Amino acid sequence: MPTNFIRLSKIRLLGGAASIVMSIAATVACSIAHAETPGAVVIKNFMFSPMALTVKAGSTVTWKNLDGEPHTVVNDAGMFRSAALDQNDSYQFKFDKPGVYKVFCGIHPNMKETITVQ
């Protein structure tokens, strides 16, 4: 009887570990998919993702807030500032000139990213 209990416990433990691994893999795949979409920035877990983005001059960058909390998209030089974005809201800005643009959340200033326009 104890042997069956140990086997069952091992199966449950391995099954739980497999679920965790699959969940992590799905999260990573989703993050990679978001990062590979040209000009797309996801706001999630109080972070901009990607934290550094390079686009060509004339490109439009779209930020989408996936957090349950509002966020803003603000350029530190004052070129643009979004309204508060609720969950699933988006904001777009067209970068016409090459340069390095520092971006942060006006509500949560520790959230930062850099947009490089070539």
C-alpha atoms as a PDB file:
ATOM      1  CA  MET A   1       0.000   0.000   0.000  1.00  0.00           C
ATOM      2  CA  PRO A   2       2.698   2.603   0.792  1.00  0.00           C
ATOM      3  CA  THR A   3       4.346   1.825  -2.568  1.00  0.00           C
ATOM      4  CA  ASN A   4       1.131   2.717  -4.446  1.00  0.00           C
ATOM      5  CA  PHE A   5       0.844   5.934  -2.455  1.00  0.00           C
ATOM      6  CA  ILE A   6       4.426   6.890  -3.338  1.00  0.00           C
ATOM      7  CA  ARG A   7       3.846   6.132  -7.043  1.00  0.00           C
ATOM      8  CA  LEU A   8       0.648   8.176  -7.056  1.00  0.00           C
ATOM      9  CA  SER A   9       2.412  11.051  -5.300  1.00  0.00           C
ATOM     10  CA  LYS A  10       5.221  10.966  -7.873  1.00  0.00           C
ATOM     11  CA  ILE A  11       2.705  11.019 -10.728  1.00  0.00           C
ATOM     12  CA  ARG A  12       0.888  13.999  -9.198  1.00  0.00           C
ATOM     13  CA  LEU A  13       4.167  15.810  -8.589  1.00  0.00           C
ATOM     14  CA  LEU A  14       5.394  15.205 -12.136  1.00  0.00           C
ATOM     15  CA  GLY A  15       2.035  16.167 -13.581  1.00  0.00           C
ATOM     16  CA  GLY A  16       2.090  19.434 -11.613  1.00  0.00           C
ATOM     17  CA  ALA A  17       5.645  20.153 -12.738  1.00  0.00           C
ATOM     18  CA  ALA A  18       4.669  19.533 -16.363  1.00  0.00           C
ATOM     19  CA  SER A  19       1.782  22.005 -16.005  1.00  0.00           C
ATOM     20  CA  ILE A  20       4.133  24.626 -14.605  1.00  0.00           C
ATOM     21  CA  VAL A  21       6.652  24.090 -17.409  1.00  0.00           C
ATOM     22  CA  MET A  22       3.903  24.306 -20.045  1.00  0.00           C
ATOM     23  CA  SER A  23       2.557  27.493 -18.453  1.00  0.00           C
ATOM     24  CA  ILE A  24       6.019  29.096 -18.460  1.00  0.00           C
ATOM     25  CA  ALA A  25       6.586  28.056 -22.078  1.00  0.00           C
ATOM     26  CA  ALA A  26       3.263  29.593 -23.115  1.00  0.00           C
ATOM     27  CA  THR A  27       4.100  32.842 -21.301  1.00  0.00           C
ATOM     28  CA  VAL A  28       7.517  33.057 -22.957  1.00  0.00           C
ATOM     29  CA  ALA A  29       6.036  32.292 -26.377  1.00  0.00           C
ATOM     30  CA  CYS A  30       3.417  35.008 -25.876  1.00  0.00           C
ATOM     31  CA  SER A  31       6.088  37.531 -24.820  1.00  0.00           C
ATOM     32  CA  ILE A  32       8.218  36.678 -27.828  1.00  0.00           C
ATOM     33  CA  ALA A  33       5.234  37.050 -30.140  1.00  0.00           C
ATOM     34  CA  HIS A  34       4.494  40.498 -28.711  1.00  0.00           C
ATOM     35  CA  ALA A  35       8.136  41.545 -28.982  1.00  0.00           C
ATOM     36  CA  GLU A  36       8.361  40.415 -32.614  1.00  0.00           C
ATOM     37  CA  THR A  37       5.415  42.502 -33.806  1.00  0.00           C
ATOM     38  CA  PRO A  38       7.014  45.590 -35.388  1.00  0.00           C
ATOM     39  CA  GLY A  39       6.129  48.784 -33.553  1.00  0.00           C
ATOM     40  CA  ALA A  40       4.120  47.042 -30.827  1.00  0.00           C
ATOM     41  CA  VAL A  41       4.687  47.593 -27.124  1.00  0.00           C
ATOM     42  CA  VAL A  42       2.727  45.712 -24.488  1.00  0.00           C
ATOM     43  CA  ILE A  43       2.215  47.166 -21.032  1.00  0.00           C
ATOM     44  CA  LYS A  44       1.948  44.292 -18.579  1.00  0.00           C
ATOM     45  CA  ASN A  45       3.060  43.597 -15.015  1.00  0.00           C
ATOM     46  CA  PHE A  46       3.960  47.280 -14.645  1.00  0.00           C
ATOM     47  CA  MET A  47       6.519  47.049 -17.468  1.00  0.00           C
ATOM     48  CA  PHE A  48       6.844  48.085 -21.086  1.00  0.00           C
ATOM     49  CA  SER A  49       7.684  45.087 -23.251  1.00  0.00           C
ATOM     50  CA  PRO A  50      10.016  45.334 -25.002  1.00  0.00           C
ATOM     51  CA  MET A  51      11.913  47.840 -22.849  1.00  0.00           C
ATOM     52  CA  ALA A  52      13.979  48.840 -25.894  1.00  0.00           C
ATOM     53  CA  LEU A  53      12.559  49.052 -29.400  1.00  0.00           C
ATOM     54  CA  THR A  54      14.174  50.087 -32.690  1.00  0.00           C
ATOM     55  CA  VAL A  55      12.000  51.274 -35.578  1.00  0.00           C
ATOM     56  CA  LYS A  56      12.531  53.125 -38.854  1.00  0.00           C
ATOM     57  CA  ALA A  57      11.663  56.814 -39.212  1.00  0.00           C
ATOM     58  CA  GLY A  58       8.026  57.155 -40.229  1.00  0.00           C
ATOM     59  CA  SER A  59       6.960  54.140 -38.155  1.00  0.00           C
ATOM     60  CA  THR A  60       3.999  54.201 -35.818  1.00  0.00           C
ATOM     61  CA  VAL A  61       4.444  52.590 -32.421  1.00  0.00           C
ATOM     62  CA  THR A  62       1.379  51.228 -30.640  1.00  0.00           C
ATOM     63  CA  TRP A  63       1.275  50.706 -26.887  1.00  0.00           C
ATOM     64  CA  LYS A  64      -1.440  48.430 -25.470  1.00  0.00           C
ATOM     65  CA  ASN A  65      -2.168  48.235 -21.752  1.00  0.00           C
ATOM     66  CA  LEU A  66      -2.873  44.679 -20.614  1.00  0.00           C
ATOM     67  CA  ASP A  67      -2.674  45.532 -16.891  1.00  0.00           C
ATOM     68  CA  GLY A  68      -5.752  45.981 -14.745  1.00  0.00           C
ATOM     69  CA  GLU A  69      -4.307  49.331 -13.630  1.00  0.00           C
ATOM     70  CA  PRO A  70      -4.212  52.490 -15.784  1.00  0.00           C
ATOM     71  CA  HIS A  71      -0.914  53.611 -17.328  1.00  0.00           C
ATOM     72  CA  THR A  72       0.214  56.515 -19.499  1.00  0.00           C
ATOM     73  CA  VAL A  73       2.832  56.745 -22.241  1.00  0.00           C
ATOM     74  CA  VAL A  74       4.951  59.875 -21.838  1.00  0.00           C
ATOM     75  CA  ASN A  75       8.032  61.107 -23.697  1.00  0.00           C
ATOM     76  CA  ASP A  76      10.532  62.753 -21.330  1.00  0.00           C
ATOM     77  CA  ALA A  77      11.115  65.592 -23.858  1.00  0.00           C
ATOM     78  CA  GLY A  78       7.385  66.398 -23.933  1.00  0.00           C
ATOM     79  CA  MET A  79       6.781  65.333 -27.552  1.00  0.00           C
ATOM     80  CA  PHE A  80       3.809  63.161 -26.651  1.00  0.00           C
ATOM     81  CA  ARG A  81       1.682  62.107 -23.696  1.00  0.00           C
ATOM     82  CA  SER A  82      -1.223  59.687 -23.749  1.00  0.00           C
ATOM     83  CA  ALA A  83      -4.318  59.915 -21.632  1.00  0.00           C
ATOM     84  CA  ALA A  84      -4.615  57.251 -18.929  1.00  0.00           C
ATOM     85  CA  LEU A  85      -4.942  53.897 -20.675  1.00  0.00           C
ATOM     86  CA  ASP A  86      -7.298  51.461 -18.997  1.00  0.00           C
ATOM     87  CA  GLN A  87      -7.006  47.721 -19.556  1.00  0.00           C
ATOM     88  CA  ASN A  88      -6.982  46.876 -23.302  1.00  0.00           C
ATOM     89  CA  ASP A  89      -6.737  50.564 -24.325  1.00  0.00           C
ATOM     90  CA  SER A  90      -4.100  51.533 -26.891  1.00  0.00           C
ATOM     91  CA  TYR A  91      -2.110  54.627 -27.785  1.00  0.00           C
ATOM     92  CA  GLN A  92      -0.188  55.325 -31.000  1.00  0.00           C
ATOM     93  CA  PHE A  93       2.548  57.763 -31.949  1.00  0.00           C
ATOM     94  CA  LYS A  94       4.261  58.198 -35.313  1.00  0.00           C
ATOM     95  CA  PHE A  95       8.027  58.733 -35.064  1.00  0.00           C
ATOM     96  CA  ASP A  96       9.019  60.895 -38.044  1.00  0.00           C
ATOM     97  CA  LYS A  97      12.565  61.841 -37.032  1.00  0.00           C
ATOM     98  CA  PRO A  98      15.533  59.606 -36.163  1.00  0.00           C
ATOM     99  CA  GLY A  99      16.726  59.755 -32.585  1.00  0.00           C
ATOM    100  CA  VAL A 100      16.527  58.107 -29.186  1.00  0.00           C
ATOM    101  CA  TYR A 101      13.279  58.670 -27.326  1.00  0.00           C
ATOM    102  CA  LYS A 102      12.929  58.008 -23.611  1.00  0.00           C
ATOM    103  CA  VAL A 103       9.444  56.904 -22.566  1.00  0.00           C
ATOM    104  CA  PHE A 104       7.915  56.375 -19.122  1.00  0.00           C
ATOM    105  CA  CYS A 105       4.546  55.947 -17.407  1.00  0.00           C
ATOM    106  CA  GLY A 106       3.405  59.242 -15.884  1.00  0.00           C
ATOM    107  CA  ILE A 107       1.508  57.362 -13.165  1.00  0.00           C
ATOM    108  CA  HIS A 108       4.332  54.887 -12.408  1.00  0.00           C
ATOM    109  CA  PRO A 109       7.580  56.718 -13.340  1.00  0.00           C
ATOM    110  CA  ASN A 110       9.709  53.636 -12.621  1.00  0.00           C
ATOM    111  CA  MET A 111       8.241  52.079 -15.790  1.00  0.00           C
ATOM    112  CA  LYS A 112      10.661  53.079 -18.552  1.00  0.00           C
ATOM    113  CA  GLU A 113      11.610  52.184 -22.097  1.00  0.00           C
ATOM    114  CA  THR A 114      13.722  53.504 -24.954  1.00  0.00           C
ATOM    115  CA  ILE A 115      12.550  53.865 -28.548  1.00  0.00           C
ATOM    116  CA  THR A 116      15.369  54.199 -31.086  1.00  0.00           C
ATOM    117  CA  VAL A 117      14.312  55.599 -34.451  1.00  0.00           C
ATOM    118  CA  GLN A 118      16.695  55.084 -37.358  1.00  0.00           C
END
